[in-house]
Amino acid sequence: FYPQLIGAVFVFNSPGWVSGFFKIFVKPFFPKRLVENIVFLPSLSKMKKSKKSFESILRFTSEEHLPEKYGGMNKTCPLPHVGSQFLQD
């Protein structure tokens, strides 16, 4: 297990106290390079009002690949179930 290899962890729609708890009690015990990759994001309604929230996501994916419900342009998300072709009669 190599936590430094994690590109990013996005925590969507968590209560405000979770972010506070993380900053006070968890952050001091992890290396800085790991903590910098954990991003707490507000609810979708708040994200749509502020483009700043999207900046951290758009570092890792383009807006055309980001699902519509997260403010992107991808209309095909969620993708169809991978094994669905085997379930057809």
Protein backbone atom coordinates (compact mmCIF):
# COMPACT_ATOMS: atom_id res chain seq x y z
CA PHE A 1 0.00 0.00 0.00
CA TYR A 2 1.53 3.26 -1.17
CA PRO A 3 -0.79 6.17 -0.30
CA GLN A 4 1.54 8.66 -1.98
CA LEU A 5 0.55 7.18 -5.36
CA ILE A 6 -3.03 8.41 -4.98
CA GLY A 7 -3.70 11.14 -7.54
CA ALA A 8 -6.70 12.59 -5.72
CA VAL A 9 -9.56 11.66 -3.43
CA PHE A 10 -12.73 13.71 -3.84
CA VAL A 11 -15.24 13.71 -0.99
CA PHE A 12 -18.55 15.00 -2.38
CA ASN A 13 -21.44 16.39 -0.37
CA SER A 14 -20.03 15.70 3.09
CA PRO A 15 -21.23 17.67 6.11
CA GLY A 16 -19.03 20.59 7.15
CA TRP A 17 -17.99 18.90 10.37
CA VAL A 18 -16.30 16.07 8.42
CA SER A 19 -13.90 18.51 6.80
CA GLY A 20 -13.24 20.15 10.18
CA PHE A 21 -12.66 16.81 11.87
CA PHE A 22 -10.24 15.84 9.12
CA LYS A 23 -8.26 19.08 9.41
CA ILE A 24 -7.97 18.91 13.20
CA PHE A 25 -7.64 15.22 14.03
CA VAL A 26 -6.53 13.36 10.89
CA LYS A 27 -4.39 15.77 8.86
CA PRO A 28 -1.53 16.04 11.40
CA PHE A 29 -0.87 12.29 11.18
CA PHE A 30 -0.49 12.02 7.39
CA PRO A 31 2.27 13.30 5.12
CA LYS A 32 1.65 16.68 3.51
CA ARG A 33 1.79 15.28 -0.03
CA LEU A 34 -1.04 12.84 0.79
CA VAL A 35 -3.23 15.40 2.57
CA GLU A 36 -2.95 17.80 -0.38
CA ASN A 37 -4.62 15.17 -2.58
CA ILE A 38 -7.76 14.89 -0.42
CA VAL A 39 -10.38 17.43 -1.51
CA PHE A 40 -13.68 18.08 0.27
CA LEU A 41 -16.34 19.45 -2.07
CA PRO A 42 -19.71 20.99 -1.19
CA SER A 43 -23.10 19.76 -2.32
CA LEU A 44 -23.94 19.84 -6.02
CA SER A 45 -26.23 22.85 -5.66
CA LYS A 46 -23.40 24.86 -4.09
CA MET A 47 -20.89 23.62 -6.66
CA LYS A 48 -23.07 24.84 -9.53
CA LYS A 49 -23.02 28.35 -8.06
CA SER A 50 -19.23 28.45 -7.72
CA LYS A 51 -16.75 27.59 -10.47
CA LYS A 52 -13.93 27.45 -7.90
CA SER A 53 -15.10 24.01 -6.73
CA PHE A 54 -14.63 22.63 -10.24
CA GLU A 55 -11.01 23.75 -10.54
CA SER A 56 -9.77 20.86 -8.38
CA ILE A 57 -11.79 18.32 -10.39
CA LEU A 58 -10.77 19.74 -13.76
CA ARG A 59 -7.11 19.16 -12.88
CA PHE A 60 -7.78 15.44 -13.38
CA THR A 61 -10.51 15.29 -16.03
CA SER A 62 -11.85 17.47 -18.78
CA GLU A 63 -15.27 19.10 -18.60
CA GLU A 64 -16.47 16.97 -21.52
CA HIS A 65 -15.78 13.77 -19.53
CA LEU A 66 -17.25 15.02 -16.26
CA PRO A 67 -20.86 13.81 -15.74
CA GLU A 68 -23.62 16.40 -16.14
CA LYS A 69 -24.75 15.99 -12.55
CA TYR A 70 -21.32 17.24 -11.42
CA GLY A 71 -21.41 20.21 -13.77
CA GLY A 72 -19.75 18.63 -16.80
CA MET A 73 -20.99 17.92 -20.30
CA ASN A 74 -21.02 14.09 -20.32
CA LYS A 75 -24.59 12.87 -20.86
CA THR A 76 -23.78 9.15 -21.02
CA CYS A 77 -22.98 8.78 -17.35
CA PRO A 78 -23.62 6.46 -15.62
CA LEU A 79 -22.43 3.99 -18.17
CA PRO A 80 -24.58 0.94 -18.88
CA HIS A 81 -23.79 -2.09 -16.77
CA VAL A 82 -20.77 -3.88 -18.22
CA GLY A 83 -22.23 -7.37 -17.91
CA SER A 84 -25.68 -6.47 -19.22
CA GLN A 85 -25.06 -8.10 -22.61
CA PHE A 86 -24.70 -11.47 -20.86
CA LEU A 87 -28.03 -11.11 -19.02
CA GLN A 88 -30.17 -10.74 -22.14
CA ASP A 89 -32.41 -13.68 -23.02
